[in-house]
Protein backbone atom coordinates (compact mmCIF):
# COMPACT_ATOMS: atom_id res chain seq x y z
CA UNK A 1 0.00 0.00 0.00
CA UNK A 2 1.43 3.40 -0.96
CA UNK A 3 2.04 6.23 1.48
CA UNK A 4 -0.54 8.34 -0.33
CA UNK A 5 -3.16 5.60 0.00
CA UNK A 6 -2.26 5.19 3.65
CA UNK A 7 -2.59 8.88 4.32
CA UNK A 8 -5.91 8.90 2.48
CA UNK A 9 -7.45 6.81 5.26
CA UNK A 10 -7.31 9.81 7.58
CA UNK A 11 -8.77 13.26 6.85
CA UNK A 12 -8.70 16.37 8.99
CA UNK A 13 -12.03 18.11 8.46
CA UNK A 14 -11.69 21.84 7.89
CA UNK A 15 -14.81 22.76 9.86
CA UNK A 16 -14.85 19.82 12.25
CA UNK A 17 -13.40 19.26 15.69
CA UNK A 18 -12.07 15.74 15.18
CA UNK A 19 -10.00 13.54 12.92
CA UNK A 20 -12.34 11.05 11.29
CA UNK A 21 -11.72 7.83 9.36
CA UNK A 22 -13.23 7.84 5.86
CA UNK A 23 -13.42 4.04 5.65
CA UNK A 24 -16.24 2.12 7.39
CA UNK A 25 -15.69 1.69 11.14
CA UNK A 26 -14.59 -1.92 10.76
CA UNK A 27 -11.51 -0.81 8.81
CA UNK A 28 -9.89 1.24 11.58
CA UNK A 29 -7.51 -0.03 14.26
CA UNK A 30 -9.81 0.97 17.11
CA UNK A 31 -12.83 -0.37 15.22
CA UNK A 32 -11.14 -3.72 14.73
CA UNK A 33 -10.38 -3.85 18.43
CA UNK A 34 -14.03 -3.23 19.20
CA UNK A 35 -15.02 -5.85 16.61
CA UNK A 36 -13.01 -8.50 18.45
CA UNK A 37 -15.08 -7.84 21.55
CA UNK A 38 -18.39 -7.16 19.75
CA UNK A 39 -21.71 -8.90 20.39
CA UNK A 40 -20.60 -11.70 18.10
CA UNK A 41 -17.97 -12.56 20.65
CA UNK A 42 -20.70 -13.07 23.22
CA UNK A 43 -22.06 -16.23 21.55
CA UNK A 44 -19.89 -18.56 23.66
CA UNK A 45 -20.72 -16.98 27.05
CA UNK A 46 -24.39 -16.77 26.00
CA UNK A 47 -24.38 -20.49 25.19
CA UNK A 48 -22.64 -21.23 28.48
CA UNK A 49 -25.12 -19.10 30.41
CA UNK A 50 -28.04 -20.74 28.63
CA UNK A 51 -26.61 -24.18 29.36
CA UNK A 52 -26.15 -23.31 33.03
CA UNK A 53 -29.71 -21.97 33.31
CA UNK A 54 -31.27 -24.99 31.61
CA UNK A 55 -29.15 -27.37 33.67
CA UNK A 56 -30.26 -25.51 36.79
CA UNK A 57 -33.92 -25.90 35.74
CA UNK A 58 -33.38 -29.59 35.05
CA UNK A 59 -31.61 -29.99 38.39
CA UNK A 60 -34.52 -28.30 40.21
CA UNK A 61 -37.04 -30.47 38.38
CA UNK A 62 -34.99 -33.58 39.12
CA UNK A 63 -34.72 -32.60 42.78
CA UNK A 64 -38.47 -32.00 43.01
CA UNK A 65 -39.18 -35.38 41.42
CA UNK A 66 -36.69 -37.04 43.74
CA UNK A 67 -38.32 -35.40 46.75
CA UNK A 68 -41.74 -36.58 45.59
CA UNK A 69 -40.36 -40.07 45.06
CA UNK A 70 -38.92 -40.08 48.57
CA UNK A 71 -42.22 -38.81 50.00
CA UNK A 72 -44.17 -41.52 48.17
CA UNK A 73 -41.73 -44.12 49.45
CA UNK A 74 -42.35 -42.95 53.02
CA UNK A 75 -46.11 -43.15 52.51
CA UNK A 76 -45.72 -46.60 50.95
CA UNK A 77 -43.81 -47.86 53.96
CA UNK A 78 -46.39 -46.23 56.25
CA UNK A 79 -49.22 -48.15 54.53
CA UNK A 80 -47.25 -51.40 54.77
CA UNK A 81 -46.83 -50.89 58.52
CA UNK A 82 -50.60 -50.40 58.99
CA UNK A 83 -51.34 -53.56 57.00
CA UNK A 84 -48.83 -55.49 59.07
CA UNK A 85 -50.38 -54.20 62.32
CA UNK A 86 -53.94 -55.12 61.19
CA UNK A 87 -52.87 -58.64 60.28
CA UNK A 88 -50.98 -58.99 63.56
CA UNK A 89 -54.09 -57.72 65.41
CA UNK A 90 -56.36 -60.34 63.83
CA UNK A 91 -53.79 -63.02 64.56
CA UNK A 92 -53.56 -61.96 68.21
CA UNK A 93 -57.36 -61.87 68.61
CA UNK A 94 -57.63 -65.40 67.18
CA UNK A 95 -54.75 -66.51 69.38
CA UNK A 96 -56.46 -65.07 72.47
CA UNK A 97 -59.72 -66.84 71.52
CA UNK A 98 -57.93 -70.15 70.93
CA UNK A 99 -56.15 -70.00 74.29
CA UNK A 100 -59.41 -69.05 76.01
CA UNK A 101 -61.11 -72.13 74.48
CA UNK A 102 -58.19 -74.30 75.55
CA UNK A 103 -58.45 -73.08 79.12
CA UNK A 104 -62.19 -73.59 79.16
CA UNK A 105 -61.84 -77.17 77.96
CA UNK A 106 -58.80 -78.26 80.00
CA UNK A 107 -58.49 -75.79 82.85
CA UNK A 108 -54.74 -75.71 82.16
CA UNK A 109 -53.22 -72.48 83.51
CA UNK A 110 -50.76 -72.34 80.57
CA UNK A 111 -53.65 -71.46 78.25
CA UNK A 112 -54.67 -68.64 80.60
CA UNK A 113 -51.12 -67.25 80.53
CA UNK A 114 -51.11 -67.36 76.70
CA UNK A 115 -54.42 -65.54 76.67
CA UNK A 116 -53.05 -62.75 78.86
CA UNK A 117 -49.93 -62.38 76.65
CA UNK A 118 -52.11 -62.17 73.53
CA UNK A 119 -54.30 -59.51 75.19
CA UNK A 120 -51.23 -57.39 76.09
CA UNK A 121 -49.99 -57.65 72.51
CA UNK A 122 -53.43 -56.55 71.22
CA UNK A 123 -53.29 -53.43 73.38
CA UNK A 124 -49.81 -52.51 72.06
CA UNK A 125 -50.90 -53.14 68.47
CA UNK A 126 -53.85 -50.76 68.87
CA UNK A 127 -51.50 -48.06 70.25
CA UNK A 128 -49.35 -48.41 67.11
CA UNK A 129 -52.43 -48.38 64.83
CA UNK A 130 -53.85 -45.22 66.41
CA UNK A 131 -50.55 -43.38 65.76
CA UNK A 132 -50.20 -44.69 62.19
CA UNK A 133 -53.83 -44.02 61.14
CA UNK A 134 -54.07 -40.54 62.72
CA UNK A 135 -53.35 -38.60 59.43
CA UNK A 136 -56.37 -40.26 57.72
CA UNK A 137 -59.71 -39.53 59.52
CA UNK A 138 -61.54 -42.42 57.80
CA UNK A 139 -58.93 -44.98 58.73
CA UNK A 140 -58.61 -43.51 62.22
CA UNK A 141 -62.40 -43.99 62.68
CA UNK A 142 -62.11 -47.61 61.59
CA UNK A 143 -59.31 -48.18 64.07
CA UNK A 144 -61.49 -46.73 66.87
CA UNK A 145 -64.41 -48.98 65.86
CA UNK A 146 -62.14 -51.98 65.63
CA UNK A 147 -60.71 -51.21 69.04
CA UNK A 148 -64.21 -50.97 70.52
CA UNK A 149 -65.28 -54.32 69.05
CA UNK A 150 -62.03 -55.99 70.10
CA UNK A 151 -62.41 -54.64 73.63
CA UNK A 152 -65.94 -56.06 73.78
CA UNK A 153 -64.71 -59.44 72.50
CA UNK A 154 -61.77 -59.65 74.90
CA UNK A 155 -64.09 -58.66 77.74
CA UNK A 156 -66.34 -61.62 76.91
CA UNK A 157 -63.29 -63.89 76.81
CA UNK A 158 -62.30 -62.62 80.23
CA UNK A 159 -65.82 -63.42 81.54
CA UNK A 160 -65.59 -66.97 80.20
CA UNK A 161 -62.26 -67.51 81.93
CA UNK A 162 -63.66 -66.12 85.19
CA UNK A 163 -66.66 -68.48 84.99
CA UNK A 164 -64.45 -71.45 84.30
CA UNK A 165 -62.25 -70.51 87.21
CA UNK A 166 -65.31 -70.41 89.53
CA UNK A 167 -66.66 -73.70 88.16
CA UNK A 168 -69.75 -72.15 86.51
CA UNK A 169 -71.69 -73.80 83.71
CA UNK A 170 -70.54 -73.57 80.13
CA UNK A 171 -71.87 -70.90 77.80
CA UNK A 172 -75.31 -71.15 76.34
CA UNK A 173 -75.86 -71.41 72.62
CA UNK A 174 -77.12 -67.84 72.37
CA UNK A 175 -73.98 -66.41 73.95
CA UNK A 176 -71.79 -68.40 71.58
CA UNK A 177 -73.74 -67.10 68.59
CA UNK A 178 -73.40 -63.48 69.83
CA UNK A 179 -69.65 -63.83 70.23
CA UNK A 180 -69.32 -65.41 66.79
CA UNK A 181 -71.23 -62.50 65.31
CA UNK A 182 -68.99 -60.08 67.23
CA UNK A 183 -65.88 -61.79 65.82
CA UNK A 184 -67.30 -61.61 62.29
CA UNK A 185 -67.90 -57.88 62.73
CA UNK A 186 -64.31 -57.48 63.92
CA UNK A 187 -63.09 -59.23 60.79
CA UNK A 188 -65.30 -57.03 58.58
CA UNK A 189 -63.95 -53.78 60.09
CA UNK A 190 -60.38 -55.13 59.84
CA UNK A 191 -61.01 -56.07 56.21
CA UNK A 192 -62.29 -52.54 55.47
CA UNK A 193 -59.21 -51.09 57.17
CA UNK A 194 -56.97 -53.38 55.14
CA UNK A 195 -58.79 -52.50 51.90
CA UNK A 196 -58.34 -48.78 52.53
CA UNK A 197 -54.64 -49.23 53.17
CA UNK A 198 -54.21 -51.45 50.13
CA UNK A 199 -55.85 -48.76 47.99
CA UNK A 200 -53.57 -46.10 49.45
CA UNK A 201 -50.62 -48.46 48.97
CA UNK A 202 -51.45 -48.96 45.28
CA UNK A 203 -51.79 -45.18 44.80
CA UNK A 204 -48.51 -44.54 46.62
CA UNK A 205 -46.70 -47.17 44.54
CA UNK A 206 -48.08 -45.65 41.33
CA UNK A 207 -47.03 -42.14 42.32
CA UNK A 208 -43.65 -43.45 43.43
CA UNK A 209 -43.17 -45.19 40.06
CA UNK A 210 -44.16 -41.98 38.22
CA UNK A 211 -41.72 -39.93 40.30
CA UNK A 212 -38.96 -42.43 39.60
CA UNK A 213 -39.71 -42.25 35.88
CA UNK A 214 -39.60 -38.44 36.03
CA UNK A 215 -36.24 -38.53 37.79
CA UNK A 216 -34.86 -40.96 35.22
CA UNK A 217 -36.29 -38.91 32.34
CA UNK A 218 -34.91 -35.66 33.72
CA UNK A 219 -31.46 -37.16 34.16
CA UNK A 220 -31.60 -38.58 30.63
CA UNK A 221 -32.72 -35.25 29.15
CA UNK A 222 -30.02 -33.43 31.11
CA UNK A 223 -27.38 -35.85 29.84
CA UNK A 224 -28.49 -35.53 26.21
CA UNK A 225 -28.78 -31.76 26.52
CA UNK A 226 -25.33 -31.50 28.11
CA UNK A 227 -23.82 -33.48 25.29
CA UNK A 228 -25.59 -31.27 22.74
CA UNK A 229 -24.42 -28.11 24.47
CA UNK A 230 -20.84 -29.41 24.55
CA UNK A 231 -21.00 -30.03 20.79
CA UNK A 232 -22.49 -26.55 20.21
CA UNK A 233 -19.85 -24.97 22.40
CA UNK A 234 -17.08 -26.78 20.56
CA UNK A 235 -18.45 -25.56 17.22
CA UNK A 236 -19.02 -22.02 18.52
CA UNK A 237 -15.54 -21.85 20.05
CA UNK A 238 -14.04 -23.05 16.79
CA UNK A 239 -15.88 -20.38 14.80
CA UNK A 240 -15.07 -17.75 17.42
CA UNK A 241 -11.36 -18.60 17.39
CA UNK A 242 -11.32 -18.40 13.61
CA UNK A 243 -13.13 -15.06 13.66
CA UNK A 244 -10.83 -13.63 16.31
CA UNK A 245 -7.78 -14.88 14.47
CA UNK A 246 -8.98 -13.12 11.32
CA UNK A 247 -9.77 -9.96 13.32
CA UNK A 248 -6.35 -10.02 14.99
CA UNK A 249 -4.67 -10.48 11.61
CA UNK A 250 -6.64 -7.48 10.34
CA UNK A 251 -5.61 -5.58 13.46
CA UNK A 252 -1.97 -6.48 12.84
CA UNK A 253 -2.29 -5.18 9.27
CA UNK A 254 -3.79 -1.94 10.59
CA UNK A 255 -0.99 -1.64 13.12
CA UNK A 256 1.54 -1.92 10.30
CA UNK A 257 -0.44 0.76 8.49
CA UNK A 258 -0.28 2.86 11.65
CA UNK A 259 3.48 2.53 11.77
CA UNK A 260 3.65 3.56 8.12
CA UNK A 261 1.37 6.52 8.89
CA UNK A 262 3.59 7.59 11.79
CA UNK A 263 6.62 7.32 9.54
CA UNK A 264 4.99 9.43 6.84
CA UNK A 265 3.87 12.11 9.29
CA UNK A 266 6.99 12.05 11.41
CA UNK A 267 9.57 11.99 8.64
CA UNK A 268 8.23 12.51 5.15
CA UNK A 269 6.03 15.45 6.18
CA UNK A 270 8.08 17.16 8.88
CA UNK A 271 11.33 17.18 6.91
CA UNK A 272 10.04 19.20 3.92
CA UNK A 273 8.25 21.61 6.26
CA UNK A 274 11.45 21.98 8.27
CA UNK A 275 13.30 22.96 5.07
CA UNK A 276 10.58 25.54 4.44
CA UNK A 277 11.25 27.03 7.89
CA UNK A 278 15.00 27.05 7.25
CA UNK A 279 14.44 28.83 3.94
CA UNK A 280 12.10 31.32 5.61
CA UNK A 281 14.68 31.97 8.30
CA UNK A 282 17.32 32.56 5.67
CA UNK A 283 15.06 35.02 3.84
CA UNK A 284 14.43 36.90 7.10
CA UNK A 285 18.13 37.72 7.26
CA UNK A 286 18.01 39.45 3.92
CA UNK A 287 18.00 43.19 4.52
CA UNK A 288 16.65 43.92 1.03
CA UNK A 289 13.15 42.57 1.88
CA UNK A 290 10.56 45.33 2.04
CA UNK A 291 7.71 45.36 4.56
CA UNK A 292 5.22 43.38 2.49
CA UNK A 293 7.73 40.66 1.55
CA UNK A 294 9.01 40.46 5.12
CA UNK A 295 5.44 39.97 6.37
CA UNK A 296 4.87 37.21 3.80
CA UNK A 297 8.09 35.42 4.84
CA UNK A 298 7.06 35.72 8.49
CA UNK A 299 3.68 34.14 7.72
CA UNK A 300 5.41 31.32 5.83
CA UNK A 301 7.62 30.68 8.86
CA UNK A 302 4.65 30.72 11.28
CA UNK A 303 2.57 28.42 9.06
CA UNK A 304 5.45 25.96 8.73
CA UNK A 305 5.96 25.98 12.51
CA UNK A 306 2.27 25.33 13.03
CA UNK A 307 2.33 22.44 10.51
CA UNK A 308 5.29 20.84 12.32
CA UNK A 309 3.48 21.23 15.66
CA UNK A 310 0.30 19.65 14.27
CA UNK A 311 2.26 16.74 12.83
CA UNK A 312 4.07 16.19 16.14
CA UNK A 313 0.78 16.35 18.07
CA UNK A 314 -0.81 13.80 15.76
CA UNK A 315 2.16 11.44 16.11
CA UNK A 316 2.18 11.81 19.90
CA UNK A 317 -1.58 11.28 20.17
CA UNK A 318 -1.49 8.22 17.95
CA UNK A 319 1.38 6.67 19.87
CA UNK A 320 -0.25 7.44 23.22
CA UNK A 321 -3.61 5.94 22.22
CA UNK A 322 -2.67 3.01 19.97
CA UNK A 323 1.10 2.69 19.99
CA UNK A 324 3.84 2.50 22.61
CA UNK A 325 2.73 5.58 24.60
CA UNK A 326 4.55 8.79 25.40
CA UNK A 327 8.26 8.03 25.86
CA UNK A 328 10.06 10.09 28.52
CA UNK A 329 13.72 10.40 29.45
CA UNK A 330 13.68 11.78 33.01
CA UNK A 331 16.53 13.61 34.67
CA UNK A 332 16.86 16.15 37.49
CA UNK A 333 15.09 19.31 36.31
CA UNK A 334 14.27 22.68 37.86
CA UNK A 335 10.59 22.94 36.92
CA UNK A 336 10.40 26.50 38.24
CA UNK A 337 13.03 27.62 35.74
CA UNK A 338 11.30 25.64 33.01
CA UNK A 339 7.98 27.38 33.77
CA UNK A 340 9.74 30.78 33.72
CA UNK A 341 11.20 30.03 30.28
CA UNK A 342 7.75 29.15 28.94
CA UNK A 343 6.34 32.45 30.29
CA UNK A 344 9.26 34.36 28.76
CA UNK A 345 8.72 32.69 25.38
CA UNK A 346 4.98 33.44 25.28
CA UNK A 347 5.47 36.99 26.57
CA UNK A 348 7.76 37.66 23.62
CA UNK A 349 5.32 36.04 21.15
CA UNK A 350 2.22 37.73 22.59
CA UNK A 351 3.38 41.17 23.74
CA UNK A 352 -0.20 42.43 24.11
CA UNK A 353 -1.13 39.70 26.61
CA UNK A 354 -0.17 39.79 30.27
CA UNK A 355 1.56 36.53 31.24
CA UNK A 356 3.24 36.35 34.65
CA UNK A 357 5.20 33.78 36.68
CA UNK A 358 4.91 33.21 40.43
CA UNK A 359 7.06 31.11 42.77
CA UNK A 360 9.46 28.66 41.22
CA UNK A 361 12.01 28.23 44.00
CA UNK A 362 12.99 24.70 44.97
CA UNK A 363 10.80 22.95 42.37
CA UNK A 364 13.20 20.12 41.56
CA UNK A 365 11.92 16.82 40.15
CA UNK A 366 12.98 13.93 37.97
CA UNK A 367 11.31 14.71 34.66
CA UNK A 368 11.83 14.87 30.92
CA UNK A 369 12.47 18.59 30.33
CA UNK A 370 11.43 18.55 26.67
CA UNK A 371 8.16 16.72 27.36
CA UNK A 372 7.31 18.88 30.39
CA UNK A 373 8.05 21.96 28.28
CA UNK A 374 5.62 20.59 25.69
CA UNK A 375 2.92 19.90 28.30
CA UNK A 376 3.24 23.32 29.92
CA UNK A 377 3.29 25.01 26.50
CA UNK A 378 0.00 23.28 25.61
CA UNK A 379 -1.62 24.48 28.84
CA UNK A 380 -0.49 28.09 28.31
CA UNK A 381 -1.68 27.99 24.69
CA UNK A 382 -5.04 26.73 25.95
CA UNK A 383 -5.18 29.64 28.43
CA UNK A 384 -4.35 32.13 25.66
CA UNK A 385 -7.03 30.67 23.41
CA UNK A 386 -9.86 30.65 25.96
CA UNK A 387 -8.87 33.39 28.44
CA UNK A 388 -10.08 36.97 28.22
CA UNK A 389 -7.57 39.11 26.30
CA UNK A 390 -7.64 41.84 28.96
CA UNK A 391 -7.13 39.44 31.90
CA UNK A 392 -3.72 38.12 33.02
CA UNK A 393 -2.53 34.53 32.70
CA UNK A 394 -0.69 33.42 35.81
CA UNK A 395 1.77 30.50 35.77
CA UNK A 396 3.02 29.35 39.18
CA UNK A 397 5.38 26.60 40.31
CA UNK A 398 5.62 25.49 43.93
CA UNK A 399 7.01 22.58 45.88
CA UNK A 400 4.38 20.62 47.86
CA UNK A 401 4.24 17.59 50.15
CA UNK A 402 3.09 15.37 47.28
CA UNK A 403 5.70 16.67 44.80
CA UNK A 404 5.74 19.73 42.56
CA UNK A 405 2.62 21.68 41.55
CA UNK A 406 2.57 23.79 38.41
CA UNK A 407 -0.56 25.86 37.85
CA UNK A 408 -1.87 27.81 34.85
CA UNK A 409 -4.74 30.19 35.65
CA UNK A 410 -6.79 32.38 33.33
CA UNK A 411 -10.00 34.41 33.51
CA UNK A 412 -12.66 33.67 30.95
CA UNK A 413 -15.80 31.73 30.18
CA UNK A 414 -15.93 28.82 32.69
CA UNK A 415 -15.83 25.23 31.46
CA UNK A 416 -19.23 23.52 31.65
CA UNK A 417 -19.20 20.82 34.38
CA UNK A 418 -20.40 18.16 31.94
CA UNK A 419 -17.39 18.84 29.67
CA UNK A 420 -14.71 18.46 32.36
CA UNK A 421 -14.74 14.61 32.39
CA UNK A 422 -14.11 14.63 28.60
CA UNK A 423 -11.71 17.56 28.62
CA UNK A 424 -8.60 15.40 28.16
CA UNK A 425 -10.09 13.14 25.47
CA UNK A 426 -8.36 13.31 22.09
CA UNK A 427 -9.94 15.63 19.50
CA UNK A 428 -12.13 17.10 22.24
CA UNK A 429 -13.21 20.74 22.14
CA UNK A 430 -15.82 23.01 23.63
CA UNK A 431 -18.98 24.00 21.81
CA UNK A 432 -17.60 27.51 21.12
CA UNK A 433 -14.33 26.18 19.66
CA UNK A 434 -15.63 25.04 16.28
CA UNK A 435 -13.46 27.29 14.14
CA UNK A 436 -10.29 27.31 16.25
CA UNK A 437 -7.03 26.14 14.74
CA UNK A 438 -5.50 22.80 15.71
CA UNK A 439 -6.79 19.29 16.20
CA UNK A 440 -7.98 19.44 19.79
CA UNK A 441 -5.03 17.32 20.97
CA UNK A 442 -3.16 19.77 23.18
CA UNK A 443 -4.78 18.91 26.52
CA UNK A 444 -4.81 15.19 25.70
CA UNK A 445 -1.07 15.18 24.98
CA UNK A 446 -0.35 17.26 28.09
CA UNK A 447 -2.33 14.80 30.19
CA UNK A 448 -0.54 11.81 28.65
CA UNK A 449 2.87 13.40 29.28
CA UNK A 450 2.03 14.06 32.94
CA UNK A 451 0.64 10.53 33.32
CA UNK A 452 3.87 9.12 31.87
CA UNK A 453 5.67 10.90 34.73
CA UNK A 454 3.31 9.31 37.27
CA UNK A 455 1.41 12.54 37.86
CA UNK A 456 -2.00 13.98 37.06
CA UNK A 457 -3.71 17.16 35.94
CA UNK A 458 -6.62 18.63 37.90
CA UNK A 459 -9.09 21.23 36.61
CA UNK A 460 -11.16 23.79 38.52
CA UNK A 461 -13.37 26.22 36.66
CA UNK A 462 -16.07 28.67 37.75
CA UNK A 463 -17.20 32.16 36.82
CA UNK A 464 -15.75 33.97 39.85
CA UNK A 465 -12.26 32.40 39.97
CA UNK A 466 -11.75 31.52 36.32
CA UNK A 467 -10.12 28.31 35.09
CA UNK A 468 -7.17 26.67 36.85
CA UNK A 469 -5.14 23.75 35.48
CA UNK A 470 -2.86 22.13 38.08
CA UNK A 471 -0.05 19.71 37.18
CA UNK A 472 0.80 17.52 40.19
CA UNK A 473 4.10 15.79 39.57
CA UNK A 474 5.94 13.49 41.99
CA UNK A 475 9.45 14.48 42.95
CA UNK A 476 10.79 11.26 41.42
CA UNK A 477 9.60 9.19 38.45
């Protein structure tokens, strides 16, 4: 690519307050950098976030199904316990009846002892049944009815044993029939209790099986989805790496173009303009030049100086923003003397403006004198541009506890508070500065120079006190 084509990518607008790129935004170095981190780059984290959210939903669903499965399992075991107690109860009632009949027929005390053991077991079984059936009112009512019938039956058995013990006559046929009917009623209530529990047990087992199937299905879906997401992520990462590689290659090409641009501006442009200044200086020494020619030569010299300054500002700004930054070569410098030399230079160039120096004693610091001269020059030029012509510009240098403070104060229109945060941005200007000369890089370069020294620039501006720029520089860099 030729130097002319390279330079054609950047145009300084005559009535604009910025340097703009003529190519589409994707063709610039900064634009390529933004492209690398554009919304397209978010596809991988978006996929990851989506995968995490869906996996979380699946995990919650799986946990809920597992909890339901565990709850159904508890209910299932609860129903099994009730069934076991009912069957044990019927067995104990029949055992008590059998032992009672044995005692009545033989009078053997062993049968009476067996009867008493069976009765004690029946009482314990009813205590367990009451606790187990309490959550279900219907089943609890059946347990109460069953307990009443069983108590009536065991009471009759106890009466028979007492009669036999006293030698009374055997039971009449009517009493035997009543007790048989009572036992049948006991079996009917127990059967109803068992049927209710078997129905609940079947429902619990069905719900438990459904919950288990949901858990298995959720785990299977999660596994398949995870595998799919991994494949998608692998594909997306591959595409993203390819896209970033292409963008970085484009960025590297633009960086080479930037270096070429810096070379063109820094060497190919400044050298011819420097020869123009040398020629203008030579012509100034000619005594034969009349007033009009001398004025023309002076304008040529000033225009060439301004062109060199603009080129240097553009190179510095480009290096600070996209290149290697502002390079400094610090050494022990008297910043008070440096500030005084700047004031002397501007006083000679602007004899109608009042520019004064205050302080300056003991302001020693490790700094690059050329770069600090450039920074302070930019601040004084800014004060000349925006300060009132009839008001003084005061430059002061003082030693402070945090280093050296150099201040440039002027009286004029205050800076709007909303503009102060953007004051040191490159190509930044105020609303009233549309037709001013320059690129709007002076404050940006001054700020970058001070930052390179480990310092900072503070700004205070109001209508009563004017505008004050303060360079705070550490004593050592």
